[in-house]
C-alpha atoms as a PDB file:
ATOM      1  CA  VAL A   1     141.848 115.117 -39.195  1.00  0.00           C
ATOM      2  CA  GLU A   2     139.717 118.034 -37.980  1.00  0.00           C
ATOM      3  CA  GLU A   3     138.118 119.830 -41.040  1.00  0.00           C
ATOM      4  CA  ALA A   4     138.549 123.700 -40.756  1.00  0.00           C
ATOM      5  CA  THR A   5     135.280 125.534 -41.322  1.00  0.00           C
ATOM      6  CA  VAL A   6     134.914 129.470 -42.357  1.00  0.00           C
ATOM      7  CA  SER A   7     132.727 131.468 -40.149  1.00  0.00           C
ATOM      8  CA  THR A   8     131.062 134.719 -41.831  1.00  0.00           C
ATOM      9  CA  HIS A   9     129.108 137.490 -40.310  1.00  0.00           C
ATOM     10  CA  LYS A  10     127.477 140.758 -41.862  1.00  0.00           C
ATOM     11  CA  HIS A  11     127.792 143.668 -39.726  1.00  0.00           C
ATOM     12  CA  HIS A  12     125.347 146.656 -40.410  1.00  0.00           C
ATOM     13  CA  PHE A  13     126.425 150.371 -39.973  1.00  0.00           C
ATOM     14  CA  PHE A  14     124.297 153.392 -40.530  1.00  0.00           C
ATOM     15  CA  PHE A  15     126.309 156.240 -41.848  1.00  0.00           C
ATOM     16  CA  ASN A  16     125.405 159.689 -43.482  1.00  0.00           C
ATOM     17  CA  HIS A  17     128.271 160.411 -45.760  1.00  0.00           C
ATOM     18  CA  PRO A  18     128.900 163.915 -46.287  1.00  0.00           C
ATOM     19  CA  THR A  19     128.964 163.660 -50.217  1.00  0.00           C
ATOM     20  CA  ALA A  20     124.979 162.679 -49.814  1.00  0.00           C
ATOM     21  CA  PRO A  21     123.379 165.359 -47.313  1.00  0.00           C
ATOM     22  CA  GLU A  22     120.021 165.040 -48.490  1.00  0.00           C
ATOM     23  CA  CYS A  23     119.558 161.725 -49.812  1.00  0.00           C
ATOM     24  CA  ASN A  24     116.250 160.775 -51.083  1.00  0.00           C
ATOM     25  CA  LYS A  25     116.920 157.153 -51.518  1.00  0.00           C
ATOM     26  CA  PRO A  26     114.519 154.495 -49.467  1.00  0.00           C
ATOM     27  CA  GLY A  27     116.008 153.113 -46.205  1.00  0.00           C
ATOM     28  CA  ARG A  28     118.847 154.823 -44.337  1.00  0.00           C
ATOM     29  CA  CYS A  29     122.398 155.440 -45.597  1.00  0.00           C
ATOM     30  CA  GLY A  30     124.918 153.078 -44.509  1.00  0.00           C
ATOM     31  CA  PHE A  31     127.491 150.006 -45.401  1.00  0.00           C
ATOM     32  CA  ILE A  32     127.722 146.743 -44.881  1.00  0.00           C
ATOM     33  CA  LEU A  33     131.031 144.835 -43.651  1.00  0.00           C
ATOM     34  CA  GLU A  34     131.479 141.062 -44.024  1.00  0.00           C
ATOM     35  CA  SER A  35     133.753 139.453 -41.509  1.00  0.00           C
ATOM     36  CA  SER A  36     135.390 135.910 -42.051  1.00  0.00           C
ATOM     37  CA  CYS A  37     137.605 133.646 -40.213  1.00  0.00           C
ATOM     38  CA  GLN A  38     138.514 130.041 -40.048  1.00  0.00           C
ATOM     39  CA  SER A  39     137.796 128.126 -37.132  1.00  0.00           C
ATOM     40  CA  ARG A  40     141.309 126.949 -36.328  1.00  0.00           C
ATOM     41  CA  GLU A  41     142.482 130.497 -36.669  1.00  0.00           C
ATOM     42  CA  TYR A  42     139.776 132.457 -34.962  1.00  0.00           C
ATOM     43  CA  TYR A  43     142.391 135.186 -34.178  1.00  0.00           C
ATOM     44  CA  LYS A  44     143.134 135.907 -37.943  1.00  0.00           C
ATOM     45  CA  PHE A  45     139.950 137.612 -39.320  1.00  0.00           C
ATOM     46  CA  LYS A  46     139.078 139.473 -42.435  1.00  0.00           C
ATOM     47  CA  TYR A  47     136.746 142.213 -43.263  1.00  0.00           C
ATOM     48  CA  GLU A  48     135.363 143.024 -46.742  1.00  0.00           C
ATOM     49  CA  LEU A  49     133.222 146.130 -47.834  1.00  0.00           C
ATOM     50  CA  CYS A  50     130.182 145.101 -49.418  1.00  0.00           C
ATOM     51  CA  ARG A  51     129.565 146.947 -52.667  1.00  0.00           C
ATOM     52  CA  ALA A  52     127.231 145.001 -54.568  1.00  0.00           C
ATOM     53  CA  ASP A  53     123.481 145.861 -54.669  1.00  0.00           C
ATOM     54  CA  GLU A  54     122.403 142.409 -53.659  1.00  0.00           C
ATOM     55  CA  ASP A  55     124.486 142.832 -50.452  1.00  0.00           C
ATOM     56  CA  TYR A  56     121.992 145.332 -49.176  1.00  0.00           C
ATOM     57  CA  GLU A  57     118.760 143.920 -50.341  1.00  0.00           C
ATOM     58  CA  GLY A  58     116.242 143.666 -47.649  1.00  0.00           C
ATOM     59  CA  THR A  59     118.496 145.345 -44.924  1.00  0.00           C
ATOM     60  CA  GLY A  60     116.930 148.664 -44.948  1.00  0.00           C
ATOM     61  CA  ILE A  61     120.401 149.883 -45.830  1.00  0.00           C
ATOM     62  CA  HIS A  62     121.467 151.561 -49.050  1.00  0.00           C
ATOM     63  CA  PHE A  63     125.294 152.152 -49.914  1.00  0.00           C
ATOM     64  CA  HIS A  64     126.352 155.316 -51.417  1.00  0.00           C
ATOM     65  CA  ASN A  65     129.518 154.441 -53.558  1.00  0.00           C
ATOM     66  CA  THR A  66     131.331 157.420 -52.408  1.00  0.00           C
ATOM     67  CA  PHE A  67     134.288 155.828 -50.425  1.00  0.00           C
ATOM     68  CA  LEU A  68     136.796 152.954 -50.636  1.00  0.00           C
ATOM     69  CA  ALA A  69     137.485 150.176 -48.354  1.00  0.00           C
ATOM     70  CA  ARG A  70     141.336 151.111 -48.501  1.00  0.00           C
ATOM     71  CA  ASP A  71     140.332 154.432 -46.957  1.00  0.00           C
ATOM     72  CA  MET A  72     138.502 152.505 -44.001  1.00  0.00           C
ATOM     73  CA  TYR A  73     139.733 150.816 -40.854  1.00  0.00           C
ATOM     74  CA  TYR A  74     137.762 149.039 -37.950  1.00  0.00           C
ATOM     75  CA  TYR A  75     138.284 151.174 -34.711  1.00  0.00           C
ATOM     76  CA  PHE A  76     138.054 149.184 -31.293  1.00  0.00           C
ATOM     77  CA  ILE A  77     138.399 149.516 -27.508  1.00  0.00           C
ATOM     78  CA  LEU A  78     140.198 147.083 -25.618  1.00  0.00           C
ATOM     79  CA  SER A  79     139.456 147.108 -21.732  1.00  0.00           C
ATOM     80  CA  GLY A  80     140.427 145.088 -19.046  1.00  0.00           C
ATOM     81  CA  THR A  81     142.213 144.664 -15.475  1.00  0.00           C
ATOM     82  CA  THR A  82     145.886 143.998 -14.405  1.00  0.00           C
ATOM     83  CA  ALA A  83     146.657 141.599 -12.056  1.00  0.00           C
ATOM     84  CA  ASP A  84     147.410 144.496  -9.463  1.00  0.00           C
ATOM     85  CA  GLY A  85     143.696 145.931 -10.154  1.00  0.00           C
ATOM     86  CA  THR A  86     144.554 148.671 -12.467  1.00  0.00           C
ATOM     87  CA  LYS A  87     141.611 149.177 -15.024  1.00  0.00           C
ATOM     88  CA  VAL A  88     143.233 149.707 -18.485  1.00  0.00           C
ATOM     89  CA  THR A  89     141.489 150.778 -21.644  1.00  0.00           C
ATOM     90  CA  VAL A  90     143.258 151.171 -24.925  1.00  0.00           C
ATOM     91  CA  PRO A  91     141.759 152.241 -28.174  1.00  0.00           C
ATOM     92  CA  ASP A  92     143.280 150.595 -31.447  1.00  0.00           C
ATOM     93  CA  ARG A  93     142.521 150.137 -35.257  1.00  0.00           C
ATOM     94  CA  VAL A  94     142.894 147.549 -37.752  1.00  0.00           C
ATOM     95  CA  GLY A  95     143.279 148.185 -41.485  1.00  0.00           C
ATOM     96  CA  LEU A  96     140.721 146.483 -43.552  1.00  0.00           C
ATOM     97  CA  GLU A  97     141.807 143.926 -46.167  1.00  0.00           C
ATOM     98  CA  ALA A  98     139.376 144.597 -48.763  1.00  0.00           C
ATOM     99  CA  PRO A  99     139.651 145.568 -52.456  1.00  0.00           C
ATOM    100  CA  GLY A 100     139.573 148.899 -53.376  1.00  0.00           C
END
């Protein structure tokens, strides 16, 4: 029996939110998303917006609690070449499954 493991990674984003145009807090404005997935189901992943102060300690990022995870989505671009050599690029997005 193979044991499934959970893999996690924290993604750091810098973002000057319009509600805090003249921020004086130390570090840069931004947010952190934590992704996780199980080794057996690598195609099923979850993103969670980190909102706790301790998530930001030592990162150089501070979070303005002015938006909710349910208002966000993860945008990405898929790119590849078809069998006949045609290059295809498609934008897509995934809703986040984090509590608001």
